N, C-alpha and C. Protein backbone atom coordinates (compact mmCIF):
# COMPACT_ATOMS: atom_id res chain seq x y z
N MET A 1 -155.36 9.02 109.62
CA MET A 1 -153.96 9.07 109.69
C MET A 1 -153.34 10.16 108.85
N LYS A 2 -151.83 10.51 109.17
CA LYS A 2 -151.34 11.18 108.71
C LYS A 2 -150.36 10.87 107.65
N SER A 3 -150.76 11.57 106.31
CA SER A 3 -149.42 11.11 105.71
C SER A 3 -147.96 11.47 105.26
N ASP A 4 -147.12 11.23 105.18
CA ASP A 4 -145.73 10.79 105.53
C ASP A 4 -145.33 12.27 104.33
N THR A 5 -144.92 13.37 105.18
CA THR A 5 -143.76 14.59 103.93
C THR A 5 -142.98 14.20 103.67
N ASN A 6 -142.08 14.72 102.51
CA ASN A 6 -140.99 14.09 101.77
C ASN A 6 -139.98 15.46 102.35
N ILE A 7 -139.33 15.43 102.89
CA ILE A 7 -137.53 16.31 102.68
C ILE A 7 -136.68 15.99 101.23
N CYS A 8 -136.87 17.25 100.88
CA CYS A 8 -136.17 17.55 99.32
C CYS A 8 -134.97 18.26 99.31
N HIS A 9 -134.01 17.90 98.69
CA HIS A 9 -132.40 18.42 98.56
C HIS A 9 -132.49 18.79 97.48
N ASN A 10 -132.00 20.01 96.61
CA ASN A 10 -131.36 19.62 95.20
C ASN A 10 -130.07 19.26 95.39
N GLY A 11 -129.46 19.23 94.25
CA GLY A 11 -128.09 18.54 94.40
C GLY A 11 -127.44 18.85 92.83
N ILE A 12 -126.39 18.11 92.43
CA ILE A 12 -125.71 17.84 91.13
C ILE A 12 -125.02 16.41 91.07
N VAL A 13 -125.54 15.61 90.31
CA VAL A 13 -124.85 14.56 89.89
C VAL A 13 -123.32 14.23 89.69
N VAL A 14 -122.80 14.12 90.53
CA VAL A 14 -121.48 13.86 90.79
C VAL A 14 -120.73 12.49 89.56
N GLU A 15 -121.56 11.32 89.77
CA GLU A 15 -121.32 9.92 89.15
C GLU A 15 -122.45 9.12 89.36
N SER A 16 -122.72 8.45 87.88
CA SER A 16 -123.95 7.63 87.71
C SER A 16 -123.53 6.19 87.02
N ASN A 17 -124.17 5.20 87.62
CA ASN A 17 -123.69 4.04 87.09
C ASN A 17 -125.11 3.20 86.89
N ASN A 18 -125.05 1.97 86.64
CA ASN A 18 -125.91 0.94 86.45
C ASN A 18 -126.60 0.94 88.25
N GLU A 19 -126.14 0.75 88.94
CA GLU A 19 -126.11 0.69 90.46
C GLU A 19 -126.61 1.73 91.15
N LYS A 20 -125.70 2.31 91.17
CA LYS A 20 -125.82 3.78 91.93
C LYS A 20 -125.52 5.04 91.68
N THR A 21 -125.91 6.15 91.82
CA THR A 21 -125.42 7.65 91.61
C THR A 21 -125.28 8.44 92.85
N LEU A 22 -124.12 9.14 92.48
CA LEU A 22 -124.09 9.69 93.45
C LEU A 22 -124.16 11.29 93.23
N VAL A 23 -125.02 12.07 94.24
CA VAL A 23 -125.12 12.86 93.99
C VAL A 23 -124.61 14.00 95.61
N LYS A 24 -124.04 15.05 94.90
CA LYS A 24 -123.57 16.27 96.10
C LYS A 24 -124.47 17.49 96.08
N ILE A 25 -124.40 17.25 97.35
CA ILE A 25 -125.58 18.51 97.91
C ILE A 25 -125.01 19.41 98.97
N LEU A 26 -125.86 20.81 99.14
CA LEU A 26 -124.86 21.51 99.98
C LEU A 26 -125.84 21.70 100.89
N SER A 27 -125.26 21.32 102.35
CA SER A 27 -125.86 21.62 103.40
C SER A 27 -125.82 22.75 104.37
N LEU A 28 -126.74 23.63 104.91
CA LEU A 28 -126.71 24.78 104.71
C LEU A 28 -126.96 24.78 106.32
N SER A 29 -126.15 25.46 107.26
CA SER A 29 -126.78 25.73 108.59
C SER A 29 -127.52 26.74 108.96
N ALA A 30 -128.57 26.78 109.74
CA ALA A 30 -129.20 27.75 110.33
C ALA A 30 -128.99 29.14 109.91
N CYS A 31 -127.76 29.26 109.71
CA CYS A 31 -126.95 30.94 110.43
C CYS A 31 -126.58 31.06 108.89
N ALA A 32 -126.72 30.30 107.79
CA ALA A 32 -126.28 30.86 106.43
C ALA A 32 -127.17 31.48 105.53
N SER A 33 -128.66 31.80 106.29
CA SER A 33 -129.35 32.83 105.23
C SER A 33 -129.41 33.86 106.18
N CYS A 34 -128.76 33.72 107.64
CA CYS A 34 -128.58 35.19 108.58
C CYS A 34 -127.81 36.88 107.91
N TYR A 35 -128.46 37.53 108.07
CA TYR A 35 -128.07 38.99 107.51
C TYR A 35 -126.21 39.10 107.91
N ALA A 36 -126.32 38.52 109.26
CA ALA A 36 -125.09 38.49 109.85
C ALA A 36 -123.92 37.63 109.61
N LYS A 37 -123.93 37.07 109.17
CA LYS A 37 -123.29 35.68 108.88
C LYS A 37 -121.73 36.01 108.81
N GLY A 38 -121.54 37.21 107.78
CA GLY A 38 -120.26 37.38 107.84
C GLY A 38 -119.12 37.98 108.99
N MET A 39 -119.89 38.21 109.86
CA MET A 39 -119.95 38.96 110.95
C MET A 39 -119.17 38.00 112.19
N CYS A 40 -120.09 36.80 112.49
CA CYS A 40 -119.42 36.18 113.44
C CYS A 40 -118.95 34.69 113.26
N ASN A 41 -118.58 34.32 111.95
CA ASN A 41 -118.21 32.98 111.53
C ASN A 41 -118.60 31.57 112.11
N LEU A 42 -119.84 31.58 112.46
CA LEU A 42 -120.83 30.80 112.39
C LEU A 42 -121.08 29.92 111.53
N SER A 43 -121.76 30.92 110.42
CA SER A 43 -122.26 30.00 108.99
C SER A 43 -121.23 28.59 108.76
N GLU A 44 -122.39 27.75 108.37
CA GLU A 44 -121.84 26.67 107.44
C GLU A 44 -122.36 25.93 106.55
N VAL A 45 -121.42 25.84 105.39
CA VAL A 45 -121.65 25.42 104.45
C VAL A 45 -120.79 24.09 104.06
N GLU A 46 -121.42 22.53 104.06
CA GLU A 46 -120.97 21.87 103.99
C GLU A 46 -121.68 21.34 102.86
N GLU A 47 -120.41 20.77 102.07
CA GLU A 47 -120.94 20.08 100.83
C GLU A 47 -120.75 18.39 101.35
N LYS A 48 -122.10 17.62 100.79
CA LYS A 48 -122.22 16.01 100.79
C LYS A 48 -122.52 15.34 99.92
N ILE A 49 -122.25 14.03 100.01
CA ILE A 49 -122.35 13.41 98.78
C ILE A 49 -123.34 12.28 99.41
N ILE A 50 -124.63 12.34 98.60
CA ILE A 50 -125.03 10.96 99.02
C ILE A 50 -125.57 9.89 97.97
N GLU A 51 -125.24 8.56 98.52
CA GLU A 51 -125.41 7.44 97.23
C GLU A 51 -127.04 7.38 97.03
N VAL A 52 -127.49 7.48 96.49
CA VAL A 52 -128.78 6.68 95.94
C VAL A 52 -128.94 5.54 95.06
N SER A 53 -129.21 4.37 95.36
CA SER A 53 -129.53 3.36 94.37
C SER A 53 -130.60 3.45 93.25
N ASN A 54 -129.93 3.06 92.02
CA ASN A 54 -130.87 3.22 90.92
C ASN A 54 -131.97 2.21 90.34
N LYS A 55 -133.24 2.64 90.66
CA LYS A 55 -134.13 1.71 90.53
C LYS A 55 -134.96 2.08 89.25
N GLY A 56 -135.28 1.13 88.86
CA GLY A 56 -135.53 1.29 86.88
C GLY A 56 -134.51 1.83 86.09
N ASN A 57 -133.35 1.33 86.43
CA ASN A 57 -132.02 1.56 85.78
C ASN A 57 -131.88 3.29 85.20
N LYS A 58 -132.30 3.83 86.09
CA LYS A 58 -132.25 5.29 85.44
C LYS A 58 -130.97 5.98 85.07
N GLN A 59 -130.43 6.50 84.19
CA GLN A 59 -129.06 7.08 84.37
C GLN A 59 -129.34 8.64 84.16
N PHE A 60 -128.16 8.83 84.44
CA PHE A 60 -128.37 10.57 84.79
C PHE A 60 -126.64 10.51 84.67
N ASN A 61 -126.43 11.46 83.70
CA ASN A 61 -125.31 12.37 83.39
C ASN A 61 -124.37 13.44 84.44
N ALA A 62 -123.36 13.22 84.87
CA ALA A 62 -122.42 14.06 85.47
C ALA A 62 -122.67 15.72 85.52
N GLY A 63 -122.71 16.65 86.57
CA GLY A 63 -123.53 17.73 86.26
C GLY A 63 -124.62 18.01 86.18
N GLU A 64 -125.54 16.93 85.83
CA GLU A 64 -126.85 17.12 85.82
C GLU A 64 -127.50 17.55 87.23
N GLU A 65 -128.57 18.38 87.41
CA GLU A 65 -129.65 19.18 88.20
C GLU A 65 -130.19 17.91 88.49
N VAL A 66 -130.56 17.44 89.83
CA VAL A 66 -131.70 16.29 90.32
C VAL A 66 -132.10 16.98 91.86
N THR A 67 -133.13 16.54 91.93
CA THR A 67 -133.56 16.44 93.56
C THR A 67 -133.88 15.39 94.10
N ILE A 68 -133.19 15.24 95.68
CA ILE A 68 -133.45 13.92 96.19
C ILE A 68 -134.09 14.13 97.04
N ILE A 69 -135.00 12.86 96.99
CA ILE A 69 -136.61 12.77 98.14
C ILE A 69 -136.09 11.82 99.34
N MET A 70 -136.62 12.30 100.43
CA MET A 70 -136.33 11.18 101.31
C MET A 70 -137.57 11.23 102.35
N LYS A 71 -137.99 9.79 102.76
CA LYS A 71 -139.32 10.53 103.79
C LYS A 71 -139.20 11.14 104.70
N GLN A 72 -140.12 11.67 105.09
CA GLN A 72 -139.31 12.75 106.70
C GLN A 72 -139.35 11.32 108.00
N SER A 73 -140.28 10.92 107.92
CA SER A 73 -139.67 9.47 109.02
C SER A 73 -138.37 8.72 108.97
N GLN A 74 -137.57 8.66 107.93
CA GLN A 74 -136.79 8.38 107.95
C GLN A 74 -135.81 9.49 107.92
N GLY A 75 -135.75 10.67 108.04
CA GLY A 75 -135.25 11.85 108.86
C GLY A 75 -135.11 11.64 110.47
N ASN A 76 -136.30 11.31 110.70
CA ASN A 76 -136.73 11.44 112.18
C ASN A 76 -136.07 10.23 112.70
N LYS A 77 -135.91 8.79 112.00
CA LYS A 77 -134.90 8.16 112.45
C LYS A 77 -133.25 7.95 112.13
N ALA A 78 -132.83 8.83 110.93
CA ALA A 78 -131.45 9.37 111.42
C ALA A 78 -131.41 10.15 112.72
N LEU A 79 -132.42 11.13 113.04
CA LEU A 79 -131.98 12.04 114.09
C LEU A 79 -132.16 11.19 115.46
N LEU A 80 -133.32 10.58 115.40
CA LEU A 80 -132.97 9.91 116.50
C LEU A 80 -131.68 8.58 117.00
N LEU A 81 -131.13 8.10 116.18
CA LEU A 81 -129.71 7.39 115.85
C LEU A 81 -128.87 8.19 115.99
N SER A 82 -128.27 9.56 115.77
CA SER A 82 -127.16 10.27 115.85
C SER A 82 -127.83 11.66 116.87
N TYR A 83 -128.59 11.32 117.39
CA TYR A 83 -128.56 12.43 118.46
C TYR A 83 -129.05 11.81 119.98
N LEU A 84 -130.66 11.57 119.59
CA LEU A 84 -131.54 11.29 121.02
C LEU A 84 -130.84 10.59 121.73
N ILE A 85 -130.51 9.41 121.06
CA ILE A 85 -130.10 8.09 121.72
C ILE A 85 -128.88 8.32 122.57
N PRO A 86 -128.03 9.06 121.38
CA PRO A 86 -126.68 9.19 122.31
C PRO A 86 -126.52 10.16 123.63
N PHE A 87 -127.82 10.79 123.61
CA PHE A 87 -128.02 11.61 124.50
C PHE A 87 -128.51 11.46 125.69
N LEU A 88 -129.57 10.41 125.40
CA LEU A 88 -130.19 9.19 126.53
C LEU A 88 -129.13 8.73 127.36
N ILE A 89 -127.93 8.00 126.43
CA ILE A 89 -127.10 6.74 126.87
C ILE A 89 -126.27 7.90 127.60
N VAL A 90 -125.59 8.91 127.11
CA VAL A 90 -124.85 9.64 128.50
C VAL A 90 -125.22 10.17 129.35
N LEU A 91 -126.78 10.83 129.46
CA LEU A 91 -127.61 11.46 130.76
C LEU A 91 -127.77 10.16 131.81
N LEU A 92 -128.00 8.90 131.36
CA LEU A 92 -128.44 7.94 131.85
C LEU A 92 -126.81 7.53 132.34
N THR A 93 -125.44 7.30 132.03
CA THR A 93 -124.36 7.04 132.10
C THR A 93 -123.96 7.48 133.37
N LEU A 94 -124.22 9.05 133.19
CA LEU A 94 -123.91 10.22 134.16
C LEU A 94 -124.72 9.62 135.31
N PHE A 95 -125.89 9.40 135.43
CA PHE A 95 -126.17 9.50 136.52
C PHE A 95 -126.22 8.21 137.13
N VAL A 96 -125.89 6.95 136.69
CA VAL A 96 -125.52 5.77 137.29
C VAL A 96 -124.11 5.93 137.86
N ALA A 97 -123.16 6.49 136.84
CA ALA A 97 -121.66 6.82 137.35
C ALA A 97 -121.63 7.24 138.93
N GLY A 98 -122.50 8.50 138.35
CA GLY A 98 -123.03 9.37 139.54
C GLY A 98 -122.99 8.61 141.12
N TYR A 99 -123.91 8.13 141.00
CA TYR A 99 -124.38 7.07 142.15
C TYR A 99 -123.18 6.25 142.40
N LEU A 100 -122.57 5.22 141.54
CA LEU A 100 -121.54 4.71 141.92
C LEU A 100 -120.09 4.95 142.30
N SER A 101 -119.83 5.99 141.97
CA SER A 101 -118.94 6.53 142.47
C SER A 101 -118.34 8.44 142.66
N ASP A 102 -117.62 8.63 143.41
CA ASP A 102 -117.47 10.57 143.95
C ASP A 102 -116.37 11.21 142.60
N SER A 103 -115.85 9.97 142.04
CA SER A 103 -114.85 11.01 141.53
C SER A 103 -115.40 11.73 139.95
N GLU A 104 -115.46 12.82 140.22
CA GLU A 104 -116.09 13.61 138.96
C GLU A 104 -115.30 13.25 137.34
N ALA A 105 -113.67 13.04 137.39
CA ALA A 105 -113.04 12.25 136.07
C ALA A 105 -114.10 10.74 136.00
N VAL A 106 -113.95 10.21 136.66
CA VAL A 106 -114.89 8.89 136.74
C VAL A 106 -116.12 8.74 135.62
N ILE A 107 -116.91 9.51 136.41
CA ILE A 107 -118.19 10.00 135.66
C ILE A 107 -117.62 10.16 134.34
N GLY A 108 -117.04 11.22 134.24
CA GLY A 108 -117.21 12.10 132.61
C GLY A 108 -116.47 11.31 131.55
N LEU A 109 -115.55 10.32 132.59
CA LEU A 109 -114.95 9.51 131.38
C LEU A 109 -115.64 8.37 130.86
N SER A 110 -116.49 7.65 131.76
CA SER A 110 -117.53 6.90 132.22
C SER A 110 -118.22 6.77 130.80
N ALA A 111 -118.31 8.12 130.69
CA ALA A 111 -120.07 9.03 129.52
C ALA A 111 -119.45 9.27 128.59
N LEU A 112 -117.95 9.29 128.43
CA LEU A 112 -117.58 9.53 127.16
C LEU A 112 -116.63 7.93 126.36
N ILE A 113 -116.63 7.31 127.41
CA ILE A 113 -116.40 5.83 126.81
C ILE A 113 -117.45 5.03 126.71
N ILE A 114 -119.04 5.28 126.61
CA ILE A 114 -120.09 4.67 126.69
C ILE A 114 -120.65 5.32 125.31
N LEU A 115 -120.15 6.79 124.93
CA LEU A 115 -120.63 6.90 123.69
C LEU A 115 -120.05 6.59 122.88
N ALA A 116 -118.85 6.65 122.71
CA ALA A 116 -117.64 6.11 121.96
C ALA A 116 -118.07 4.72 121.78
N VAL A 117 -118.42 3.85 122.57
CA VAL A 117 -118.78 2.42 122.11
C VAL A 117 -120.03 2.44 121.37
N TYR A 118 -120.96 3.38 121.87
CA TYR A 118 -122.30 3.68 120.70
C TYR A 118 -122.23 3.80 119.75
N TYR A 119 -121.06 4.88 119.54
CA TYR A 119 -120.93 5.05 117.90
C TYR A 119 -120.14 4.29 117.23
N LEU A 120 -119.04 3.33 118.09
CA LEU A 120 -118.25 2.12 117.20
C LEU A 120 -119.40 1.55 116.93
N VAL A 121 -120.02 0.68 117.52
CA VAL A 121 -121.42 -0.14 117.42
C VAL A 121 -122.70 0.46 115.85
N LEU A 122 -122.46 1.88 116.03
CA LEU A 122 -123.22 2.24 115.09
C LEU A 122 -122.30 2.39 113.86
N TYR A 123 -121.33 2.52 113.92
CA TYR A 123 -120.64 2.11 112.71
C TYR A 123 -120.12 0.99 111.91
N SER A 124 -120.48 -0.14 113.07
CA SER A 124 -120.30 -1.74 112.80
C SER A 124 -121.34 -2.16 111.77
N PHE A 125 -122.85 -1.32 112.23
CA PHE A 125 -123.82 -1.61 111.63
C PHE A 125 -124.01 -0.44 110.41
N ARG A 126 -123.32 -0.07 109.97
CA ARG A 126 -123.10 1.32 109.05
C ARG A 126 -124.12 0.55 107.91
N ASN A 127 -123.50 -0.80 107.24
CA ASN A 127 -124.49 -1.53 106.14
C ASN A 127 -125.90 -1.80 106.10
N GLN A 128 -125.98 -2.20 107.41
CA GLN A 128 -127.64 -2.65 107.60
C GLN A 128 -128.06 -1.57 108.01
N ILE A 129 -127.70 -0.10 108.10
CA ILE A 129 -128.34 1.30 108.63
C ILE A 129 -128.61 1.71 107.52
N LYS A 130 -127.76 1.82 106.58
CA LYS A 130 -127.74 2.37 105.15
C LYS A 130 -128.47 1.41 104.40
N HIS A 131 -129.02 0.64 104.54
CA HIS A 131 -129.74 -0.13 103.54
C HIS A 131 -131.59 0.39 103.87
N SER A 132 -131.55 0.68 105.48
CA SER A 132 -132.81 0.97 105.63
C SER A 132 -133.27 2.24 105.59
N PHE A 133 -132.38 3.56 104.80
CA PHE A 133 -132.29 4.34 104.21
C PHE A 133 -132.64 4.50 102.85
N ASP A 134 -134.09 5.09 102.79
CA ASP A 134 -134.49 5.23 100.91
C ASP A 134 -134.37 6.62 100.47
N PHE A 135 -133.06 6.90 99.29
CA PHE A 135 -133.52 8.18 98.77
C PHE A 135 -133.74 7.75 97.48
N GLU A 136 -134.82 8.54 96.77
CA GLU A 136 -135.10 8.69 95.94
C GLU A 136 -134.76 9.60 94.87
N ILE A 137 -134.30 10.08 93.51
CA ILE A 137 -134.51 11.47 92.69
C ILE A 137 -135.36 11.41 91.75
N GLU A 138 -135.70 12.54 91.89
CA GLU A 138 -137.00 13.15 90.99
C GLU A 138 -136.15 13.75 90.07
């Protein structure tokens, strides 16, 4: 049986109380480490705020450097929910709409509408989904 590996990100504590800690991390694209990143304007560095539940009532000070840990299986779940399932839904919608209609506008519009509905449903269940992802501070 394969052991579950972890995904780690270094971050800085923004705010901390008894219930949760907010940690700011820098999300780097693959282009961020490229030697030619200044030439093509594709490199992306984005700040993200991660909310971590305080287990054991650990207190952190604002500005403190910490490491956030998440199991890789949870990262795979996020990938599945945000990219793979919508891709498959759009692909299926394109095939079904293409079979039912000859109008490219109707086919494309139906795929966009289905995608919007999927993300609205995902957004409406965001609190339940948030509880299924467990971040820890090391």
